[in-house]
N, C-alpha and C. Protein backbone atom coordinates (compact mmCIF):
# COMPACT_ATOMS: atom_id res chain seq x y z
N MET A 1 55.30 33.98 125.04
CA MET A 1 54.30 33.82 124.14
C MET A 1 53.64 34.85 123.92
N SER A 2 53.51 35.67 122.87
CA SER A 2 52.67 37.14 122.85
C SER A 2 51.22 36.62 122.00
N ASP A 3 50.25 37.06 122.67
CA ASP A 3 48.97 36.80 121.95
C ASP A 3 48.49 38.00 121.05
N ALA A 4 48.53 37.80 119.69
CA ALA A 4 48.10 38.68 118.84
C ALA A 4 46.81 39.58 118.96
N ARG A 5 45.72 38.92 119.46
CA ARG A 5 44.43 39.70 119.81
C ARG A 5 44.49 40.31 120.99
N ALA A 6 45.49 40.14 122.12
CA ALA A 6 45.53 41.01 123.28
C ALA A 6 46.88 41.97 123.27
N PRO A 7 46.88 42.81 122.62
CA PRO A 7 48.32 43.44 122.60
C PRO A 7 47.97 44.30 123.95
N ASN A 8 46.82 44.71 124.39
CA ASN A 8 47.10 45.85 125.30
C ASN A 8 46.62 45.25 127.01
N TYR A 9 46.76 43.65 126.93
CA TYR A 9 46.45 43.38 128.36
C TYR A 9 47.56 43.87 129.17
N GLU A 10 48.73 44.22 128.59
CA GLU A 10 49.71 44.68 129.66
C GLU A 10 49.14 45.97 130.01
N LEU A 11 48.95 46.72 129.08
CA LEU A 11 48.40 48.28 129.50
C LEU A 11 47.35 48.11 130.34
N ALA A 12 46.39 47.22 130.28
CA ALA A 12 45.12 47.13 131.20
C ALA A 12 45.35 46.61 132.61
N TYR A 13 46.35 45.66 132.77
CA TYR A 13 46.84 45.14 134.12
C TYR A 13 47.55 46.10 134.77
N ASP A 14 48.34 47.62 134.24
CA ASP A 14 48.38 48.41 134.96
C ASP A 14 47.54 49.27 135.76
N ASP A 15 46.30 49.43 134.74
CA ASP A 15 45.19 50.27 135.02
C ASP A 15 44.48 49.21 136.17
N TYR A 16 44.28 48.20 136.08
CA TYR A 16 43.74 47.20 137.16
C TYR A 16 44.40 47.37 138.54
N ARG A 17 45.85 47.28 138.20
CA ARG A 17 46.74 47.53 139.74
C ARG A 17 46.31 49.06 140.24
N LYS A 18 46.04 49.94 139.29
CA LYS A 18 45.79 51.32 139.92
C LYS A 18 44.32 51.33 140.49
N GLY A 19 43.29 50.29 140.25
CA GLY A 19 42.23 50.32 140.99
C GLY A 19 40.83 50.38 140.11
N MET A 20 41.30 50.90 138.71
CA MET A 20 40.21 50.74 137.53
C MET A 20 39.30 49.28 137.60
N LYS A 21 37.72 49.70 137.12
CA LYS A 21 37.20 48.67 137.61
C LYS A 21 37.05 47.66 135.90
N TYR A 22 36.77 46.56 135.99
CA TYR A 22 36.60 45.61 134.77
C TYR A 22 35.81 46.47 133.67
N LYS A 23 34.75 47.22 134.19
CA LYS A 23 33.67 47.92 133.13
C LYS A 23 34.89 48.93 132.61
N GLU A 24 35.46 49.66 133.36
CA GLU A 24 36.36 50.58 132.92
C GLU A 24 37.34 50.41 131.97
N ILE A 25 37.87 49.24 132.19
CA ILE A 25 39.11 48.95 131.59
C ILE A 25 38.62 48.27 129.71
N ALA A 26 37.45 47.73 130.15
CA ALA A 26 36.77 46.93 128.91
C ALA A 26 36.37 48.22 128.01
N GLU A 27 35.86 49.31 128.66
CA GLU A 27 35.70 50.47 127.64
C GLU A 27 36.90 51.26 127.07
N LYS A 28 37.87 51.36 127.92
CA LYS A 28 39.16 52.08 127.60
C LYS A 28 39.90 51.22 126.26
N TYR A 29 39.73 50.01 126.35
CA TYR A 29 40.44 49.16 125.34
C TYR A 29 39.66 48.59 124.45
N GLY A 30 38.28 48.87 124.21
CA GLY A 30 37.36 48.35 123.24
C GLY A 30 37.18 47.05 123.21
N VAL A 31 37.22 46.45 124.62
CA VAL A 31 37.06 44.63 124.46
C VAL A 31 35.83 44.47 125.31
N THR A 32 35.36 43.32 125.58
CA THR A 32 34.06 43.06 126.02
C THR A 32 34.62 42.85 127.81
N LEU A 33 33.78 43.21 128.84
CA LEU A 33 34.19 42.84 130.05
C LEU A 33 34.55 41.48 130.42
N ASN A 34 33.91 40.17 129.46
CA ASN A 34 34.67 38.91 129.83
C ASN A 34 35.78 38.92 129.27
N THR A 35 36.30 39.56 128.23
CA THR A 35 37.95 39.89 127.72
C THR A 35 38.65 39.99 128.65
N VAL A 36 38.30 41.16 129.73
CA VAL A 36 39.17 41.64 130.82
C VAL A 36 39.12 40.55 131.68
N LYS A 37 37.91 40.05 132.07
CA LYS A 37 38.03 38.71 133.30
C LYS A 37 38.92 37.72 132.91
N SER A 38 38.85 37.54 131.35
CA SER A 38 39.74 36.23 130.68
C SER A 38 41.22 36.86 131.24
N TRP A 39 41.56 38.01 130.90
CA TRP A 39 42.91 38.41 130.99
C TRP A 39 43.30 38.08 132.48
N LYS A 40 42.58 38.45 133.08
CA LYS A 40 42.99 38.39 134.69
C LYS A 40 43.47 37.12 135.20
N THR A 41 42.32 36.35 134.69
CA THR A 41 42.71 34.86 134.94
C THR A 41 43.96 34.34 134.31
N ARG A 42 43.96 34.37 133.02
CA ARG A 42 44.95 33.74 132.18
C ARG A 42 46.41 34.28 132.37
N TYR A 43 46.51 35.77 132.64
CA TYR A 43 47.81 36.26 133.28
C TYR A 43 48.11 36.55 134.51
N ARG A 44 47.30 35.80 135.53
CA ARG A 44 47.21 35.70 136.68
C ARG A 44 47.44 37.23 137.34
N TRP A 45 46.56 38.29 137.23
CA TRP A 45 46.88 39.56 137.54
C TRP A 45 46.70 39.55 139.23
N LEU A 46 47.42 40.27 139.81
CA LEU A 46 47.16 40.64 141.36
C LEU A 46 47.55 42.12 141.43
N LYS A 47 46.47 42.51 142.33
CA LYS A 47 46.50 43.92 142.66
C LYS A 47 47.97 44.38 143.34
N GLU A 48 48.40 43.55 144.17
CA GLU A 48 49.54 43.77 144.71
C GLU A 48 50.39 42.74 145.17
N PRO A 49 51.74 42.54 144.69
CA PRO A 49 52.34 41.21 144.57
C PRO A 49 52.58 40.85 146.13
N LYS A 50 52.73 39.36 146.10
CA LYS A 50 52.70 38.75 147.31
C LYS A 50 54.14 39.19 147.79
N LYS A 51 53.89 39.45 149.22
CA LYS A 51 55.10 40.08 150.21
C LYS A 51 55.62 38.80 151.05
N GLY A 52 56.99 38.53 150.80
CA GLY A 52 57.45 37.53 151.32
C GLY A 52 57.07 36.21 151.19
N VAL A 53 57.61 35.17 151.84
CA VAL A 53 57.36 33.74 151.85
C VAL A 53 56.58 33.14 152.55
N HIS A 54 56.55 33.99 153.83
CA HIS A 54 55.91 33.31 154.99
C HIS A 54 54.21 33.39 154.85
N THR A 55 53.70 32.23 155.31
CA THR A 55 52.35 32.03 155.02
C THR A 55 51.72 31.75 156.41
N LYS A 56 50.15 32.12 156.92
CA LYS A 56 49.72 31.91 157.87
C LYS A 56 49.68 30.52 158.24
N ARG A 57 49.97 29.87 159.27
CA ARG A 57 49.60 28.31 159.39
C ARG A 57 48.54 27.94 160.02
N ARG A 58 47.82 27.11 159.80
CA ARG A 58 46.68 26.59 160.49
C ARG A 58 47.03 25.95 161.79
N PRO A 59 46.44 26.20 162.97
CA PRO A 59 46.63 25.48 164.16
C PRO A 59 46.11 23.88 163.58
N ALA A 60 46.92 23.15 164.46
CA ALA A 60 46.75 21.51 164.39
C ALA A 60 45.42 21.07 164.82
N ARG A 61 45.01 20.42 164.15
CA ARG A 61 43.48 19.91 164.37
C ARG A 61 43.36 19.22 165.45
N GLN A 62 42.38 19.81 166.30
CA GLN A 62 41.80 19.20 167.38
C GLN A 62 40.94 18.13 167.27
N PRO A 63 41.11 17.12 168.22
CA PRO A 63 39.92 16.08 168.38
C PRO A 63 38.74 16.63 168.79
N GLU A 64 37.75 15.95 168.21
CA GLU A 64 36.22 16.39 168.79
C GLU A 64 36.37 16.44 170.15
N ARG A 65 35.33 17.10 170.61
CA ARG A 65 34.99 17.09 172.06
C ARG A 65 34.26 15.93 172.68
N GLY A 66 34.52 15.62 173.70
CA GLY A 66 34.08 14.32 174.29
C GLY A 66 34.60 13.15 173.76
N ARG A 67 35.47 13.05 172.79
CA ARG A 67 36.31 11.98 172.16
C ARG A 67 37.62 12.05 172.58
N LYS A 68 38.22 10.82 173.04
CA LYS A 68 39.87 10.99 173.53
C LYS A 68 40.29 10.24 172.32
N PRO A 69 41.47 10.74 172.09
CA PRO A 69 42.29 9.93 170.98
C PRO A 69 42.56 8.50 171.39
N ARG A 70 42.59 7.24 170.90
CA ARG A 70 42.98 6.14 171.02
C ARG A 70 44.27 5.90 170.92
N ARG A 71 44.62 5.20 172.27
CA ARG A 71 46.12 5.07 172.54
C ARG A 71 46.45 3.49 172.12
N ARG A 72 47.58 3.20 171.81
CA ARG A 72 47.96 1.69 171.61
C ARG A 72 48.61 1.08 172.71
N CYS A 73 48.24 -0.01 173.19
CA CYS A 73 48.70 -0.62 174.00
C CYS A 73 49.81 -1.39 173.84
N THR A 74 50.93 -1.43 174.49
CA THR A 74 51.93 -2.41 174.22
C THR A 74 52.47 -3.29 175.23
N GLY A 75 51.50 -3.52 176.41
CA GLY A 75 51.74 -4.46 177.49
C GLY A 75 50.67 -5.18 177.50
N THR A 76 50.42 -6.26 178.56
CA THR A 76 49.44 -7.32 178.46
C THR A 76 47.89 -6.56 178.31
N GLU A 77 46.90 -7.34 178.22
CA GLU A 77 45.35 -7.11 178.26
C GLU A 77 45.06 -6.48 179.37
N GLN A 78 45.70 -7.00 180.59
CA GLN A 78 45.14 -6.29 181.84
C GLN A 78 45.68 -4.85 182.21
N GLU A 79 47.06 -4.60 181.79
CA GLU A 79 47.68 -3.31 181.76
C GLU A 79 46.97 -2.31 180.93
N CYS A 80 46.32 -2.98 179.63
CA CYS A 80 45.81 -1.86 178.66
C CYS A 80 44.52 -1.31 179.01
N ASN A 81 43.68 -2.05 180.01
CA ASN A 81 42.29 -1.64 180.43
C ASN A 81 42.41 -0.67 181.88
């Protein structure tokens, strides 16, 4: 879907990827600074495309210090204590 009010957003995106600042892009295309920021959000501008599909995984959450995880007992009460 093409937006009639924003014919330059694709050209502005090229300038953004080249490192131009929002203010410079706004002045070049005769729009407000907020319009450029809206284009960035609306059209999901990225400076560099994501590389690959691998992501950094977080380590498994460790129990707090001083607390041991509760264990379930399956035997008699005497065996569990």
